[in-house]
Protein backbone atom coordinates (compact mmCIF):
# COMPACT_ATOMS: atom_id res chain seq x y z
CA MET A 1 92.83 -41.87 -20.73
CA ASN A 2 93.92 -39.94 -23.81
CA MET A 3 92.60 -36.66 -25.23
CA GLY A 4 90.40 -38.45 -27.76
CA ASP A 5 88.63 -40.27 -24.95
CA LEU A 6 88.07 -36.98 -23.11
CA PHE A 7 86.62 -35.31 -26.19
CA GLY A 8 84.41 -38.31 -26.84
CA MET A 9 83.17 -38.25 -23.26
CA ALA A 10 82.50 -34.50 -23.46
CA GLY A 11 80.51 -35.06 -26.65
CA LYS A 12 78.44 -37.77 -24.94
CA MET A 13 77.75 -35.43 -22.03
CA LYS A 14 76.53 -32.69 -24.36
CA GLU A 15 74.32 -35.17 -26.18
CA MET A 16 72.94 -36.42 -22.88
CA GLN A 17 72.22 -32.85 -21.72
CA ALA A 18 70.39 -32.11 -24.98
CA ARG A 19 68.31 -35.30 -24.70
CA MET A 20 67.49 -34.62 -21.05
CA GLN A 21 66.38 -31.08 -21.91
CA GLU A 22 64.20 -32.42 -24.71
CA ALA A 23 62.76 -35.07 -22.40
CA GLN A 24 61.97 -32.45 -19.78
CA GLU A 25 60.14 -30.34 -22.35
CA ASN A 26 58.19 -33.39 -23.53
CA LEU A 27 56.91 -34.09 -20.01
CA THR A 28 54.22 -31.43 -20.44
CA LYS A 29 52.87 -33.40 -23.42
CA ILE A 30 52.47 -36.61 -21.42
CA THR A 31 49.06 -36.66 -19.74
CA GLU A 32 47.03 -39.10 -17.72
CA VAL A 33 43.53 -39.03 -16.22
CA GLY A 34 42.58 -40.33 -12.79
CA GLU A 35 38.95 -41.05 -11.92
CA ALA A 36 37.10 -41.35 -8.62
CA GLY A 37 33.50 -42.00 -7.66
CA ALA A 38 32.87 -44.28 -10.65
CA GLY A 39 34.03 -41.54 -13.02
CA MET A 40 32.03 -38.74 -11.41
CA VAL A 41 35.28 -36.82 -10.82
CA LYS A 42 38.13 -36.84 -13.33
CA ALA A 43 41.50 -35.18 -12.85
CA LYS A 44 44.04 -34.73 -15.66
CA ALA A 45 47.75 -34.24 -14.89
CA ASN A 46 50.90 -33.92 -17.00
CA GLY A 47 54.35 -35.47 -16.71
CA LYS A 48 55.60 -32.51 -14.71
CA LYS A 49 53.07 -33.50 -12.06
CA GLN A 50 50.92 -30.46 -12.73
CA LEU A 51 47.14 -30.68 -12.49
CA ILE A 52 45.71 -29.59 -15.85
CA SER A 53 41.97 -29.97 -15.42
CA ILE A 54 39.18 -31.33 -13.26
CA GLU A 55 35.79 -32.54 -14.49
CA ILE A 56 32.94 -32.90 -12.01
CA ASP A 57 29.62 -34.60 -12.71
CA GLU A 58 26.70 -32.22 -12.20
CA ASP A 59 25.10 -34.61 -9.69
CA LEU A 60 27.91 -33.78 -7.24
CA MET A 61 27.32 -30.04 -7.36
CA LYS A 62 24.88 -30.01 -4.44
CA PRO A 63 25.94 -28.24 -1.22
CA SER A 64 25.12 -31.40 0.74
CA ASP A 65 27.75 -33.35 -1.25
CA ARG A 66 30.57 -30.90 -0.54
CA GLU A 67 32.72 -33.22 1.60
CA ILE A 68 32.24 -36.15 -0.77
CA LEU A 69 33.23 -33.94 -3.69
CA GLN A 70 36.37 -32.78 -1.92
CA ASP A 71 37.40 -36.37 -1.18
CA LEU A 72 36.74 -37.45 -4.76
CA ILE A 73 38.79 -34.56 -6.17
CA VAL A 74 41.74 -35.52 -3.99
CA ALA A 75 41.41 -39.20 -4.94
CA ALA A 76 41.13 -38.50 -8.68
CA THR A 77 44.07 -36.09 -8.59
CA ASN A 78 46.28 -38.57 -6.76
CA LYS A 79 45.38 -41.33 -9.24
CA ALA A 80 46.23 -39.08 -12.19
CA LEU A 81 49.57 -38.09 -10.65
CA GLU A 82 50.48 -41.72 -9.91
CA LYS A 83 49.63 -42.81 -13.46
CA VAL A 84 51.46 -39.94 -15.16
CA GLU A 85 54.55 -40.51 -13.03
CA VAL A 86 54.91 -43.99 -14.54
CA LYS A 87 54.57 -42.59 -18.07
CA ALA A 88 57.07 -39.80 -17.36
CA LYS A 89 59.68 -42.26 -16.07
CA GLU A 90 59.24 -44.39 -19.18
CA GLU A 91 59.71 -41.32 -21.40
CA LEU A 92 62.86 -40.27 -19.54
CA GLN A 93 64.31 -43.76 -19.84
CA LYS A 94 63.63 -43.78 -23.58
CA SER A 95 65.25 -40.35 -23.97
CA THR A 96 68.47 -41.38 -22.26
CA GLU A 97 68.65 -44.88 -23.71
CA GLY A 98 72.14 -45.67 -24.93
CA LEU A 99 73.70 -42.66 -23.22
CA MET A 100 73.69 -43.84 -19.65
CA PRO A 101 73.97 -47.32 -18.25
CA ASN A 102 70.69 -48.76 -17.02
CA ILE A 103 71.45 -48.72 -13.31
CA PRO A 104 68.77 -50.42 -11.22
CA GLY A 105 67.32 -47.99 -8.71
CA MET A 106 68.56 -44.89 -10.53
CA ASP A 107 65.85 -42.27 -10.12
CA PHE A 108 65.57 -39.54 -12.75
CA ASP A 109 62.81 -37.73 -10.84
CA LYS A 110 65.29 -35.56 -8.99
CA LEU A 111 66.59 -34.17 -12.28
CA PHE A 112 63.22 -32.64 -13.13
CA LYS A 113 62.09 -31.04 -9.88
């Protein structure tokens, strides 16, 4: 390997770092909504797996429905997180396209935790 190859590789690494940083910042813009109870509870999460908001139908705001409401919130949140995880992975793959080989099973999640 000659010096030109080393400089070229270093340049690719810097470009990859910049793209990964940009992709990480873009994860907050990716959102997905999960619903439970036929849409009575909606949870919105972003690509960083952060819960952004919860919407609850007024009909569930009775004290007698407390346990049902808790279960629906958990279900809606988990659905939103599952859906946004797929979108986030797609975004990360797009951001690093052409810089890294597409290695089956390579998981970018660990880079953003």
